[in-house]
């Protein structure tokens, strides 16, 4: 897996890895990551779509004002919808999903990969 993470700097503990899933896909991050930073480090750029025209949306800001990266965290009876990925600290075995996508982002990502080739 290609890492898009800087080799040094920040407050991330690079010696330890944390496993988490995003839309059912297993990914890895580090203590000190937010969910958004771990997604970006794993090359995940599409995290939602616009409400009106369903255009793909990515992570735009690094703080509480993030308009695009709203995810559902947890599983079963312990889910929390509409949480900003930039405000969630990454932890081991975390489960996060995009909201109401039904495979939409996977189809967009596949189409973009084909276009780049």
PDB file of N, CA and C in Angstrom:
ATOM      1  N   UNK A   1       0.839  -1.175   0.000  1.00  0.00           N
ATOM      2  CA  UNK A   1       0.000   0.000   0.000  1.00  0.00           C
ATOM      3  C   UNK A   1       0.889   1.245   0.000  1.00  0.00           C
ATOM      4  N   UNK A   2       0.581   2.166  -0.836  1.00  0.00           N
ATOM      5  CA  UNK A   2       1.317   3.415  -0.904  1.00  0.00           C
ATOM      6  C   UNK A   2       0.872   4.331   0.230  1.00  0.00           C
ATOM      7  N   UNK A   3       1.837   4.914   0.901  1.00  0.00           N
ATOM      8  CA  UNK A   3       1.507   5.839   1.980  1.00  0.00           C
ATOM      9  C   UNK A   3       1.687   7.272   1.497  1.00  0.00           C
ATOM     10  N   UNK A   4       0.735   8.108   1.797  1.00  0.00           N
ATOM     11  CA  UNK A   4       0.788   9.518   1.441  1.00  0.00           C
ATOM     12  C   UNK A   4       1.168  10.356   2.658  1.00  0.00           C
ATOM     13  N   UNK A   5       1.758   9.711   3.643  1.00  0.00           N
ATOM     14  CA  UNK A   5       2.113  10.369   4.894  1.00  0.00           C
ATOM     15  C   UNK A   5       3.525  10.941   4.814  1.00  0.00           C
ATOM     16  N   UNK A   6       3.744  12.085   5.444  1.00  0.00           N
ATOM     17  CA  UNK A   6       5.087  12.648   5.561  1.00  0.00           C
ATOM     18  C   UNK A   6       5.916  11.750   6.470  1.00  0.00           C
ATOM     19  N   UNK A   7       7.205  11.682   6.230  1.00  0.00           N
ATOM     20  CA  UNK A   7       8.064  10.778   6.999  1.00  0.00           C
ATOM     21  C   UNK A   7       8.386  11.296   8.398  1.00  0.00           C
ATOM     22  N   UNK A   8       8.225  12.584   8.633  1.00  0.00           N
ATOM     23  CA  UNK A   8       8.503  13.129   9.965  1.00  0.00           C
ATOM     24  C   UNK A   8       7.622  14.344  10.221  1.00  0.00           C
ATOM     25  N   UNK A   9       7.624  14.771  11.481  1.00  0.00           N
ATOM     26  CA  UNK A   9       6.865  15.955  11.863  1.00  0.00           C
ATOM     27  C   UNK A   9       5.492  15.615  12.404  1.00  0.00           C
ATOM     28  N   UNK A  10       4.867  16.588  13.001  1.00  0.00           N
ATOM     29  CA  UNK A  10       3.533  16.404  13.553  1.00  0.00           C
ATOM     30  C   UNK A  10       3.557  15.703  14.898  1.00  0.00           C
ATOM     31  N   UNK A  11       2.382  15.363  15.370  1.00  0.00           N
ATOM     32  CA  UNK A  11       2.238  14.727  16.680  1.00  0.00           C
ATOM     33  C   UNK A  11       1.813  13.273  16.552  1.00  0.00           C
ATOM     34  N   UNK A  12       2.190  12.652  15.472  1.00  0.00           N
ATOM     35  CA  UNK A  12       1.781  11.276  15.216  1.00  0.00           C
ATOM     36  C   UNK A  12       2.866  10.326  15.695  1.00  0.00           C
ATOM     37  N   UNK A  13       2.452   9.279  16.402  1.00  0.00           N
ATOM     38  CA  UNK A  13       3.369   8.271  16.917  1.00  0.00           C
ATOM     39  C   UNK A  13       3.541   7.190  15.852  1.00  0.00           C
ATOM     40  N   UNK A  14       4.527   7.340  14.992  1.00  0.00           N
ATOM     41  CA  UNK A  14       4.700   6.469  13.823  1.00  0.00           C
ATOM     42  C   UNK A  14       5.157   5.055  14.166  1.00  0.00           C
ATOM     43  N   UNK A  15       5.637   4.821  15.372  1.00  0.00           N
ATOM     44  CA  UNK A  15       6.129   3.498  15.766  1.00  0.00           C
ATOM     45  C   UNK A  15       4.990   2.506  16.002  1.00  0.00           C
ATOM     46  N   UNK A  16       3.796   2.993  16.269  1.00  0.00           N
ATOM     47  CA  UNK A  16       2.644   2.147  16.569  1.00  0.00           C
ATOM     48  C   UNK A  16       1.602   2.302  15.471  1.00  0.00           C
ATOM     49  N   UNK A  17       0.993   1.191  15.058  1.00  0.00           N
ATOM     50  CA  UNK A  17      -0.073   1.260  14.056  1.00  0.00           C
ATOM     51  C   UNK A  17      -1.407   0.856  14.671  1.00  0.00           C
ATOM     52  N   UNK A  18      -2.465   1.451  14.168  1.00  0.00           N
ATOM     53  CA  UNK A  18      -3.829   1.144  14.593  1.00  0.00           C
ATOM     54  C   UNK A  18      -4.609   0.678  13.375  1.00  0.00           C
ATOM     55  N   UNK A  19      -5.307  -0.429  13.511  1.00  0.00           N
ATOM     56  CA  UNK A  19      -6.145  -0.912  12.422  1.00  0.00           C
ATOM     57  C   UNK A  19      -7.557  -0.372  12.554  1.00  0.00           C
ATOM     58  N   UNK A  20      -8.148   0.062  11.424  1.00  0.00           N
ATOM     59  CA  UNK A  20      -9.528   0.537  11.418  1.00  0.00           C
ATOM     60  C   UNK A  20     -10.137   0.207  10.067  1.00  0.00           C
ATOM     61  N   UNK A  21     -11.454   0.331   9.956  1.00  0.00           N
ATOM     62  CA  UNK A  21     -12.105   0.077   8.676  1.00  0.00           C
ATOM     63  C   UNK A  21     -12.883   1.309   8.244  1.00  0.00           C
ATOM     64  N   UNK A  22     -12.874   1.540   6.939  1.00  0.00           N
ATOM     65  CA  UNK A  22     -13.652   2.619   6.348  1.00  0.00           C
ATOM     66  C   UNK A  22     -14.415   2.034   5.175  1.00  0.00           C
ATOM     67  N   UNK A  23     -15.723   2.068   5.253  1.00  0.00           N
ATOM     68  CA  UNK A  23     -16.597   1.448   4.247  1.00  0.00           C
ATOM     69  C   UNK A  23     -16.233  -0.012   4.019  1.00  0.00           C
ATOM     70  N   UNK A  24     -15.901  -0.707   5.114  1.00  0.00           N
ATOM     71  CA  UNK A  24     -15.597  -2.129   5.040  1.00  0.00           C
ATOM     72  C   UNK A  24     -14.182  -2.457   4.596  1.00  0.00           C
ATOM     73  N   UNK A  25     -13.403  -1.459   4.262  1.00  0.00           N
ATOM     74  CA  UNK A  25     -12.033  -1.668   3.809  1.00  0.00           C
ATOM     75  C   UNK A  25     -11.074  -1.519   4.978  1.00  0.00           C
ATOM     76  N   UNK A  26     -10.227  -2.520   5.252  1.00  0.00           N
ATOM     77  CA  UNK A  26      -9.277  -2.395   6.355  1.00  0.00           C
ATOM     78  C   UNK A  26      -8.146  -1.428   6.005  1.00  0.00           C
ATOM     79  N   UNK A  27      -7.866  -0.496   6.908  1.00  0.00           N
ATOM     80  CA  UNK A  27      -6.815   0.496   6.718  1.00  0.00           C
ATOM     81  C   UNK A  27      -5.996   0.600   7.996  1.00  0.00           C
ATOM     82  N   UNK A  28      -4.874   1.317   7.929  1.00  0.00           N
ATOM     83  CA  UNK A  28      -4.023   1.508   9.106  1.00  0.00           C
ATOM     84  C   UNK A  28      -3.740   2.983   9.327  1.00  0.00           C
ATOM     85  N   UNK A  29      -3.615   3.338  10.588  1.00  0.00           N
ATOM     86  CA  UNK A  29      -3.246   4.689  10.978  1.00  0.00           C
ATOM     87  C   UNK A  29      -2.317   4.623  12.168  1.00  0.00           C
ATOM     88  N   UNK A  30      -2.096   5.755  12.806  1.00  0.00           N
ATOM     89  CA  UNK A  30      -1.194   5.840  13.954  1.00  0.00           C
ATOM     90  C   UNK A  30      -1.860   6.628  15.079  1.00  0.00           C
ATOM     91  N   UNK A  31      -1.438   6.353  16.341  1.00  0.00           N
ATOM     92  CA  UNK A  31      -1.936   7.187  17.438  1.00  0.00           C
ATOM     93  C   UNK A  31      -1.587   8.651  17.180  1.00  0.00           C
ATOM     94  N   UNK A  32      -2.531   9.526  17.409  1.00  0.00           N
ATOM     95  CA  UNK A  32      -2.357  10.946  17.137  1.00  0.00           C
ATOM     96  C   UNK A  32      -3.040  11.375  15.848  1.00  0.00           C
ATOM     97  N   UNK A  33      -3.413  10.408  15.003  1.00  0.00           N
ATOM     98  CA  UNK A  33      -4.156  10.705  13.778  1.00  0.00           C
ATOM     99  C   UNK A  33      -5.596  11.046  14.101  1.00  0.00           C
ATOM    100  N   UNK A  34      -6.187  11.892  13.282  1.00  0.00           N
ATOM    101  CA  UNK A  34      -7.646  11.990  13.255  1.00  0.00           C
ATOM    102  C   UNK A  34      -8.091  10.992  12.185  1.00  0.00           C
ATOM    103  N   UNK A  35      -9.369  10.709  12.136  1.00  0.00           N
ATOM    104  CA  UNK A  35      -9.870   9.814  11.092  1.00  0.00           C
ATOM    105  C   UNK A  35      -9.561  10.404   9.720  1.00  0.00           C
ATOM    106  N   UNK A  36      -9.706  11.715   9.577  1.00  0.00           N
ATOM    107  CA  UNK A  36      -9.439  12.376   8.295  1.00  0.00           C
ATOM    108  C   UNK A  36      -7.978  12.244   7.891  1.00  0.00           C
ATOM    109  N   UNK A  37      -7.050  12.465   8.808  1.00  0.00           N
ATOM    110  CA  UNK A  37      -5.630  12.377   8.455  1.00  0.00           C
ATOM    111  C   UNK A  37      -5.231  10.950   8.114  1.00  0.00           C
ATOM    112  N   UNK A  38      -5.811   9.976   8.803  1.00  0.00           N
ATOM    113  CA  UNK A  38      -5.524   8.572   8.493  1.00  0.00           C
ATOM    114  C   UNK A  38      -6.085   8.194   7.123  1.00  0.00           C
ATOM    115  N   UNK A  39      -7.266   8.695   6.789  1.00  0.00           N
ATOM    116  CA  UNK A  39      -7.836   8.424   5.467  1.00  0.00           C
ATOM    117  C   UNK A  39      -6.965   9.025   4.371  1.00  0.00           C
ATOM    118  N   UNK A  40      -6.542  10.268   4.547  1.00  0.00           N
ATOM    119  CA  UNK A  40      -5.681  10.907   3.555  1.00  0.00           C
ATOM    120  C   UNK A  40      -4.344  10.186   3.427  1.00  0.00           C
ATOM    121  N   UNK A  41      -3.781   9.721   4.549  1.00  0.00           N
ATOM    122  CA  UNK A  41      -2.511   8.997   4.517  1.00  0.00           C
ATOM    123  C   UNK A  41      -2.640   7.672   3.775  1.00  0.00           C
ATOM    124  N   UNK A  42      -3.840   7.106   3.754  1.00  0.00           N
ATOM    125  CA  UNK A  42      -4.084   5.858   3.044  1.00  0.00           C
ATOM    126  C   UNK A  42      -4.550   6.082   1.605  1.00  0.00           C
ATOM    127  N   UNK A  43      -4.573   7.323   1.178  1.00  0.00           N
ATOM    128  CA  UNK A  43      -4.940   7.613  -0.204  1.00  0.00           C
ATOM    129  C   UNK A  43      -6.430   7.730  -0.460  1.00  0.00           C
ATOM    130  N   UNK A  44      -7.236   7.761   0.589  1.00  0.00           N
ATOM    131  CA  UNK A  44      -8.686   7.914   0.438  1.00  0.00           C
ATOM    132  C   UNK A  44      -8.988   9.393   0.269  1.00  0.00           C
ATOM    133  N   UNK A  45      -9.462   9.773  -0.891  1.00  0.00           N
ATOM    134  CA  UNK A  45      -9.734  11.178  -1.158  1.00  0.00           C
ATOM    135  C   UNK A  45     -11.229  11.490  -1.192  1.00  0.00           C
ATOM    136  N   UNK A  46     -12.041  10.539  -1.575  1.00  0.00           N
ATOM    137  CA  UNK A  46     -13.487  10.748  -1.661  1.00  0.00           C
ATOM    138  C   UNK A  46     -14.159  10.240  -0.393  1.00  0.00           C
ATOM    139  N   UNK A  47     -14.832  11.137   0.318  1.00  0.00           N
ATOM    140  CA  UNK A  47     -15.458  10.746   1.584  1.00  0.00           C
ATOM    141  C   UNK A  47     -16.948  11.068   1.637  1.00  0.00           C
ATOM    142  N   UNK A  48     -17.509  11.572   0.580  1.00  0.00           N
ATOM    143  CA  UNK A  48     -18.934  11.899   0.570  1.00  0.00           C
ATOM    144  C   UNK A  48     -19.347  12.436  -0.779  1.00  0.00           C
ATOM    145  N   UNK A  49     -20.580  12.903  -0.829  1.00  0.00           N
ATOM    146  CA  UNK A  49     -21.085  13.519  -2.052  1.00  0.00           C
ATOM    147  C   UNK A  49     -22.019  14.651  -1.680  1.00  0.00           C
ATOM    148  N   UNK A  50     -22.188  15.577  -2.607  1.00  0.00           N
ATOM    149  CA  UNK A  50     -23.052  16.716  -2.321  1.00  0.00           C
ATOM    150  C   UNK A  50     -24.506  16.247  -2.268  1.00  0.00           C
ATOM    151  N   UNK A  51     -25.306  16.943  -1.492  1.00  0.00           N
ATOM    152  CA  UNK A  51     -26.695  16.535  -1.299  1.00  0.00           C
ATOM    153  C   UNK A  51     -27.540  16.753  -2.548  1.00  0.00           C
ATOM    154  N   UNK A  52     -27.339  17.845  -3.227  1.00  0.00           N
ATOM    155  CA  UNK A  52     -28.207  18.176  -4.343  1.00  0.00           C
ATOM    156  C   UNK A  52     -27.822  17.478  -5.644  1.00  0.00           C
ATOM    157  N   UNK A  53     -26.561  17.602  -6.045  1.00  0.00           N
ATOM    158  CA  UNK A  53     -26.130  17.063  -7.336  1.00  0.00           C
ATOM    159  C   UNK A  53     -25.321  15.770  -7.223  1.00  0.00           C
ATOM    160  N   UNK A  54     -25.060  15.299  -5.993  1.00  0.00           N
ATOM    161  CA  UNK A  54     -24.342  14.047  -5.745  1.00  0.00           C
ATOM    162  C   UNK A  54     -22.925  14.056  -6.298  1.00  0.00           C
ATOM    163  N   UNK A  55     -22.309  15.218  -6.348  1.00  0.00           N
ATOM    164  CA  UNK A  55     -20.930  15.320  -6.807  1.00  0.00           C
ATOM    165  C   UNK A  55     -19.999  14.832  -5.708  1.00  0.00           C
ATOM    166  N   UNK A  56     -18.886  14.175  -6.082  1.00  0.00           N
ATOM    167  CA  UNK A  56     -17.960  13.658  -5.067  1.00  0.00           C
ATOM    168  C   UNK A  56     -17.330  14.780  -4.252  1.00  0.00           C
ATOM    169  N   UNK A  57     -17.153  14.521  -2.965  1.00  0.00           N
ATOM    170  CA  UNK A  57     -16.572  15.493  -2.046  1.00  0.00           C
ATOM    171  C   UNK A  57     -15.413  14.864  -1.290  1.00  0.00           C
ATOM    172  N   UNK A  58     -14.381  15.670  -1.052  1.00  0.00           N
ATOM    173  CA  UNK A  58     -13.218  15.228  -0.295  1.00  0.00           C
ATOM    174  C   UNK A  58     -13.060  16.045   0.969  1.00  0.00           C
ATOM    175  N   UNK A  59     -11.987  15.782   1.685  1.00  0.00           N
ATOM    176  CA  UNK A  59     -11.704  16.496   2.924  1.00  0.00           C
ATOM    177  C   UNK A  59     -11.181  17.880   2.556  1.00  0.00           C
ATOM    178  N   UNK A  60     -11.808  18.916   3.085  1.00  0.00           N
ATOM    179  CA  UNK A  60     -11.508  20.286   2.696  1.00  0.00           C
ATOM    180  C   UNK A  60     -10.718  21.049   3.754  1.00  0.00           C
ATOM    181  N   UNK A  61     -11.045  20.867   5.024  1.00  0.00           N
ATOM    182  CA  UNK A  61     -10.397  21.624   6.102  1.00  0.00           C
ATOM    183  C   UNK A  61      -9.777  20.686   7.120  1.00  0.00           C
ATOM    184  N   UNK A  62      -9.110  21.249   8.114  1.00  0.00           N
ATOM    185  CA  UNK A  62      -8.481  20.439   9.150  1.00  0.00           C
ATOM    186  C   UNK A  62      -9.132  20.646  10.505  1.00  0.00           C
ATOM    187  N   UNK A  63     -10.319  21.203  10.543  1.00  0.00           N
ATOM    188  CA  UNK A  63     -10.904  21.512  11.834  1.00  0.00           C
ATOM    189  C   UNK A  63     -12.390  21.260  11.907  1.00  0.00           C
ATOM    190  N   UNK A  64     -13.028  21.955  12.828  1.00  0.00           N
ATOM    191  CA  UNK A  64     -14.445  21.744  13.109  1.00  0.00           C
ATOM    192  C   UNK A  64     -15.370  22.281  12.026  1.00  0.00           C
ATOM    193  N   UNK A  65     -14.850  23.076  11.123  1.00  0.00           N
ATOM    194  CA  UNK A  65     -15.683  23.665  10.072  1.00  0.00           C
ATOM    195  C   UNK A  65     -15.781  22.782   8.829  1.00  0.00           C
ATOM    196  N   UNK A  66     -15.328  21.547   8.890  1.00  0.00           N
ATOM    197  CA  UNK A  66     -15.328  20.640   7.742  1.00  0.00           C
ATOM    198  C   UNK A  66     -16.750  20.415   7.224  1.00  0.00           C
ATOM    199  N   UNK A  67     -17.032  20.819   5.976  1.00  0.00           N
ATOM    200  CA  UNK A  67     -18.388  20.653   5.449  1.00  0.00           C
ATOM    201  C   UNK A  67     -18.625  19.328   4.729  1.00  0.00           C
ATOM    202  N   UNK A  68     -17.571  18.623   4.331  1.00  0.00           N
ATOM    203  CA  UNK A  68     -17.727  17.466   3.460  1.00  0.00           C
ATOM    204  C   UNK A  68     -17.558  16.115   4.132  1.00  0.00           C
ATOM    205  N   UNK A  69     -16.603  15.987   5.021  1.00  0.00           N
ATOM    206  CA  UNK A  69     -16.245  14.687   5.582  1.00  0.00           C
ATOM    207  C   UNK A  69     -17.117  14.322   6.777  1.00  0.00           C
ATOM    208  N   UNK A  70     -18.405  14.139   6.537  1.00  0.00           N
ATOM    209  CA  UNK A  70     -19.323  13.686   7.576  1.00  0.00           C
ATOM    210  C   UNK A  70     -19.470  12.185   7.446  1.00  0.00           C
ATOM    211  N   UNK A  71     -19.181  11.457   8.515  1.00  0.00           N
ATOM    212  CA  UNK A  71     -19.197   9.999   8.486  1.00  0.00           C
ATOM    213  C   UNK A  71     -20.056   9.457   9.626  1.00  0.00           C
ATOM    214  N   UNK A  72     -20.386   8.188   9.520  1.00  0.00           N
ATOM    215  CA  UNK A  72     -21.045   7.467  10.596  1.00  0.00           C
ATOM    216  C   UNK A  72     -19.994   6.599  11.254  1.00  0.00           C
ATOM    217  N   UNK A  73     -19.832   6.715  12.565  1.00  0.00           N
ATOM    218  CA  UNK A  73     -18.850   5.911  13.278  1.00  0.00           C
ATOM    219  C   UNK A  73     -19.553   4.906  14.171  1.00  0.00           C
ATOM    220  N   UNK A  74     -18.847   3.840  14.506  1.00  0.00           N
ATOM    221  CA  UNK A  74     -19.390   2.799  15.363  1.00  0.00           C
ATOM    222  C   UNK A  74     -20.133   1.750  14.571  1.00  0.00           C
ATOM    223  N   UNK A  75     -20.682   0.779  15.285  1.00  0.00           N
ATOM    224  CA  UNK A  75     -21.429  -0.294  14.632  1.00  0.00           C
ATOM    225  C   UNK A  75     -22.544  -0.762  15.551  1.00  0.00           C
ATOM    226  N   UNK A  76     -23.507  -1.418  14.963  1.00  0.00           N
ATOM    227  CA  UNK A  76     -24.639  -1.933  15.729  1.00  0.00           C
ATOM    228  C   UNK A  76     -25.437  -0.821  16.369  1.00  0.00           C
ATOM    229  N   UNK A  77     -25.736  -0.978  17.665  1.00  0.00           N
ATOM    230  CA  UNK A  77     -26.511   0.013  18.396  1.00  0.00           C
ATOM    231  C   UNK A  77     -25.695   1.194  18.876  1.00  0.00           C
ATOM    232  N   UNK A  78     -24.414   1.193  18.584  1.00  0.00           N
ATOM    233  CA  UNK A  78     -23.535   2.268  19.047  1.00  0.00           C
ATOM    234  C   UNK A  78     -23.020   3.118  17.889  1.00  0.00           C
ATOM    235  N   UNK A  79     -23.867   3.390  16.930  1.00  0.00           N
ATOM    236  CA  UNK A  79     -23.454   4.232  15.812  1.00  0.00           C
ATOM    237  C   UNK A  79     -23.720   5.696  16.123  1.00  0.00           C
ATOM    238  N   UNK A  80     -22.885   6.536  15.549  1.00  0.00           N
ATOM    239  CA  UNK A  80     -23.054   7.981  15.708  1.00  0.00           C
ATOM    240  C   UNK A  80     -22.974   8.609  14.313  1.00  0.00           C
ATOM    241  N   UNK A  81     -24.097   9.078  13.784  1.00  0.00           N
ATOM    242  CA  UNK A  81     -24.092   9.640  12.432  1.00  0.00           C
ATOM    243  C   UNK A  81     -23.603  11.090  12.410  1.00  0.00           C
ATOM    244  N   UNK A  82     -23.273  11.553  11.212  1.00  0.00           N
ATOM    245  CA  UNK A  82     -22.919  12.952  10.957  1.00  0.00           C
ATOM    246  C   UNK A  82     -21.800  13.477  11.850  1.00  0.00           C
ATOM    247  N   UNK A  83     -20.755  12.690  11.990  1.00  0.00           N
ATOM    248  CA  UNK A  83     -19.595  13.089  12.768  1.00  0.00           C
ATOM    249  C   UNK A  83     -18.522  13.581  11.808  1.00  0.00           C
ATOM    250  N   UNK A  84     -17.883  14.680  12.130  1.00  0.00           N
ATOM    251  CA  UNK A  84     -16.836  15.218  11.254  1.00  0.00           C
ATOM    252  C   UNK A  84     -15.556  14.395  11.411  1.00  0.00           C
ATOM    253  N   UNK A  85     -15.055  13.877  10.293  1.00  0.00           N
ATOM    254  CA  UNK A  85     -13.861  13.027  10.316  1.00  0.00           C
ATOM    255  C   UNK A  85     -12.638  13.781  10.822  1.00  0.00           C
ATOM    256  N   UNK A  86     -12.656  15.104  10.722  1.00  0.00           N
ATOM    257  CA  UNK A  86     -11.527  15.904  11.193  1.00  0.00           C
ATOM    258  C   UNK A  86     -11.517  16.060  12.710  1.00  0.00           C
ATOM    259  N   UNK A  87     -12.590  15.681  13.376  1.00  0.00           N
ATOM    260  CA  UNK A  87     -12.705  15.857  14.817  1.00  0.00           C
ATOM    261  C   UNK A  87     -12.663  14.542  15.596  1.00  0.00           C
ATOM    262  N   UNK A  88     -12.516  13.421  14.901  1.00  0.00           N
ATOM    263  CA  UNK A  88     -12.525  12.110  15.548  1.00  0.00           C
ATOM    264  C   UNK A  88     -11.098  11.610  15.695  1.00  0.00           C
ATOM    265  N   UNK A  89     -10.668  11.319  16.916  1.00  0.00           N
ATOM    266  CA  UNK A  89      -9.350  10.739  17.120  1.00  0.00           C
ATOM    267  C   UNK A  89      -9.407   9.258  16.753  1.00  0.00           C
ATOM    268  N   UNK A  90      -8.431   8.803  16.004  1.00  0.00           N
ATOM    269  CA  UNK A  90      -8.384   7.421  15.540  1.00  0.00           C
ATOM    270  C   UNK A  90      -8.092   6.486  16.708  1.00  0.00           C
ATOM    271  N   UNK A  91      -8.774   5.340  16.750  1.00  0.00           N
ATOM    272  CA  UNK A  91      -8.498   4.323  17.765  1.00  0.00           C
ATOM    273  C   UNK A  91      -8.555   2.950  17.120  1.00  0.00           C
ATOM    274  N   UNK A  92      -8.009   1.955  17.809  1.00  0.00           N
ATOM    275  CA  UNK A  92      -7.936   0.578  17.307  1.00  0.00           C
ATOM    276  C   UNK A  92      -9.334   0.012  17.069  1.00  0.00           C
ATOM    277  N   UNK A  93      -9.502  -0.688  15.962  1.00  0.00           N
ATOM    278  CA  UNK A  93     -10.754  -1.343  15.585  1.00  0.00           C
ATOM    279  C   UNK A  93     -11.904  -0.369  15.319  1.00  0.00           C
ATOM    280  N   UNK A  94     -11.598   0.873  15.004  1.00  0.00           N
ATOM    281  CA  UNK A  94     -12.639   1.860  14.709  1.00  0.00           C
ATOM    282  C   UNK A  94     -13.348   1.487  13.408  1.00  0.00           C
ATOM    283  N   UNK A  95     -14.645   1.695  13.387  1.00  0.00           N
ATOM    284  CA  UNK A  95     -15.448   1.431  12.198  1.00  0.00           C
ATOM    285  C   UNK A  95     -16.074   2.751  11.765  1.00  0.00           C
ATOM    286  N   UNK A  96     -15.849   3.126  10.520  1.00  0.00           N
ATOM    287  CA  UNK A  96     -16.424   4.364   9.985  1.00  0.00           C
ATOM    288  C   UNK A  96     -16.977   4.075   8.594  1.00  0.00           C
ATOM    289  N   UNK A  97     -18.069   4.734   8.272  1.00  0.00           N
ATOM    290  CA  UNK A  97     -18.709   4.558   6.969  1.00  0.00           C
ATOM    291  C   UNK A  97     -19.165   5.908   6.428  1.00  0.00           C
ATOM    292  N   UNK A  98     -19.192   6.005   5.101  1.00  0.00           N
ATOM    293  CA  UNK A  98     -19.762   7.196   4.490  1.00  0.00           C
ATOM    294  C   UNK A  98     -21.273   7.146   4.690  1.00  0.00           C
ATOM    295  N   UNK A  99     -21.907   8.268   4.542  1.00  0.00           N
ATOM    296  CA  UNK A  99     -23.349   8.335   4.755  1.00  0.00           C
ATOM    297  C   UNK A  99     -24.099   8.110   3.447  1.00  0.00           C
ATOM    298  N   UNK A 100     -25.037   7.205   3.435  1.00  0.00           N
ATOM    299  CA  UNK A 100     -25.974   6.969   2.320  1.00  0.00           C
ATOM    300  C   UNK A 100     -25.297   6.889   0.955  1.00  0.00           C
ATOM    301  N   UNK A 101     -24.249   6.107   0.825  1.00  0.00           N
ATOM    302  CA  UNK A 101     -23.529   6.073  -0.442  1.00  0.00           C
ATOM    303  C   UNK A 101     -23.909   4.872  -1.302  1.00  0.00           C
ATOM    304  N   UNK A 102     -24.209   3.739  -0.700  1.00  0.00           N
ATOM    305  CA  UNK A 102     -24.586   2.531  -1.433  1.00  0.00           C
ATOM    306  C   UNK A 102     -23.607   2.195  -2.551  1.00  0.00           C
ATOM    307  N   UNK A 103     -22.317   2.215  -2.255  1.00  0.00           N
ATOM    308  CA  UNK A 103     -21.302   1.875  -3.235  1.00  0.00           C
ATOM    309  C   UNK A 103     -20.936   2.991  -4.188  1.00  0.00           C
ATOM    310  N   UNK A 104     -21.504   4.160  -4.011  1.00  0.00           N
ATOM    311  CA  UNK A 104     -21.270   5.274  -4.923  1.00  0.00           C
ATOM    312  C   UNK A 104     -19.795   5.660  -4.989  1.00  0.00           C
ATOM    313  N   UNK A 105     -19.146   5.803  -3.835  1.00  0.00           N
ATOM    314  CA  UNK A 105     -17.757   6.242  -3.826  1.00  0.00           C
ATOM    315  C   UNK A 105     -16.843   5.204  -4.456  1.00  0.00           C
ATOM    316  N   UNK A 106     -17.136   3.946  -4.246  1.00  0.00           N
ATOM    317  CA  UNK A 106     -16.324   2.891  -4.856  1.00  0.00           C
ATOM    318  C   UNK A 106     -16.405   2.958  -6.372  1.00  0.00           C
ATOM    319  N   UNK A 107     -17.584   3.208  -6.913  1.00  0.00           N
ATOM    320  CA  UNK A 107     -17.732   3.329  -8.373  1.00  0.00           C
ATOM    321  C   UNK A 107     -16.983   4.551  -8.898  1.00  0.00           C
ATOM    322  N   UNK A 108     -17.044   5.663  -8.182  1.00  0.00           N
ATOM    323  CA  UNK A 108     -16.332   6.877  -8.588  1.00  0.00           C
ATOM    324  C   UNK A 108     -14.826   6.644  -8.542  1.00  0.00           C
ATOM    325  N   UNK A 109     -14.337   6.026  -7.465  1.00  0.00           N
ATOM    326  CA  UNK A 109     -12.905   5.774  -7.334  1.00  0.00           C
ATOM    327  C   UNK A 109     -12.403   4.868  -8.452  1.00  0.00           C
ATOM    328  N   UNK A 110     -13.178   3.840  -8.792  1.00  0.00           N
ATOM    329  CA  UNK A 110     -12.806   2.933  -9.879  1.00  0.00           C
ATOM    330  C   UNK A 110     -12.766   3.681 -11.208  1.00  0.00           C
ATOM    331  N   UNK A 111     -13.740   4.526 -11.447  1.00  0.00           N
ATOM    332  CA  UNK A 111     -13.776   5.310 -12.693  1.00  0.00           C
ATOM    333  C   UNK A 111     -12.584   6.266 -12.775  1.00  0.00           C
ATOM    334  N   UNK A 112     -12.225   6.903 -11.659  1.00  0.00           N
ATOM    335  CA  UNK A 112     -11.078   7.811 -11.652  1.00  0.00           C
ATOM    336  C   UNK A 112      -9.772   7.067 -11.904  1.00  0.00           C
ATOM    337  N   UNK A 113      -9.640   5.867 -11.327  1.00  0.00           N
ATOM    338  CA  UNK A 113      -8.429   5.064 -11.536  1.00  0.00           C
ATOM    339  C   UNK A 113      -8.304   4.675 -13.004  1.00  0.00           C
ATOM    340  N   UNK A 114      -9.419   4.314 -13.629  1.00  0.00           N
ATOM    341  CA  UNK A 114      -9.386   3.942 -15.043  1.00  0.00           C
ATOM    342  C   UNK A 114      -9.010   5.139 -15.906  1.00  0.00           C
ATOM    343  N   UNK A 115      -9.522   6.312 -15.539  1.00  0.00           N
ATOM    344  CA  UNK A 115      -9.237   7.524 -16.305  1.00  0.00           C
ATOM    345  C   UNK A 115      -7.758   7.896 -16.233  1.00  0.00           C
ATOM    346  N   UNK A 116      -7.120   7.676 -15.044  1.00  0.00           N
ATOM    347  CA  UNK A 116      -5.713   8.022 -14.869  1.00  0.00           C
ATOM    348  C   UNK A 116      -4.793   7.114 -15.665  1.00  0.00           C
ATOM    349  N   UNK A 117      -5.220   5.915 -15.988  1.00  0.00           N
ATOM    350  CA  UNK A 117      -4.349   4.958 -16.723  1.00  0.00           C
ATOM    351  C   UNK A 117      -4.287   5.252 -18.175  1.00  0.00           C
TER     352      UNK A 117
END
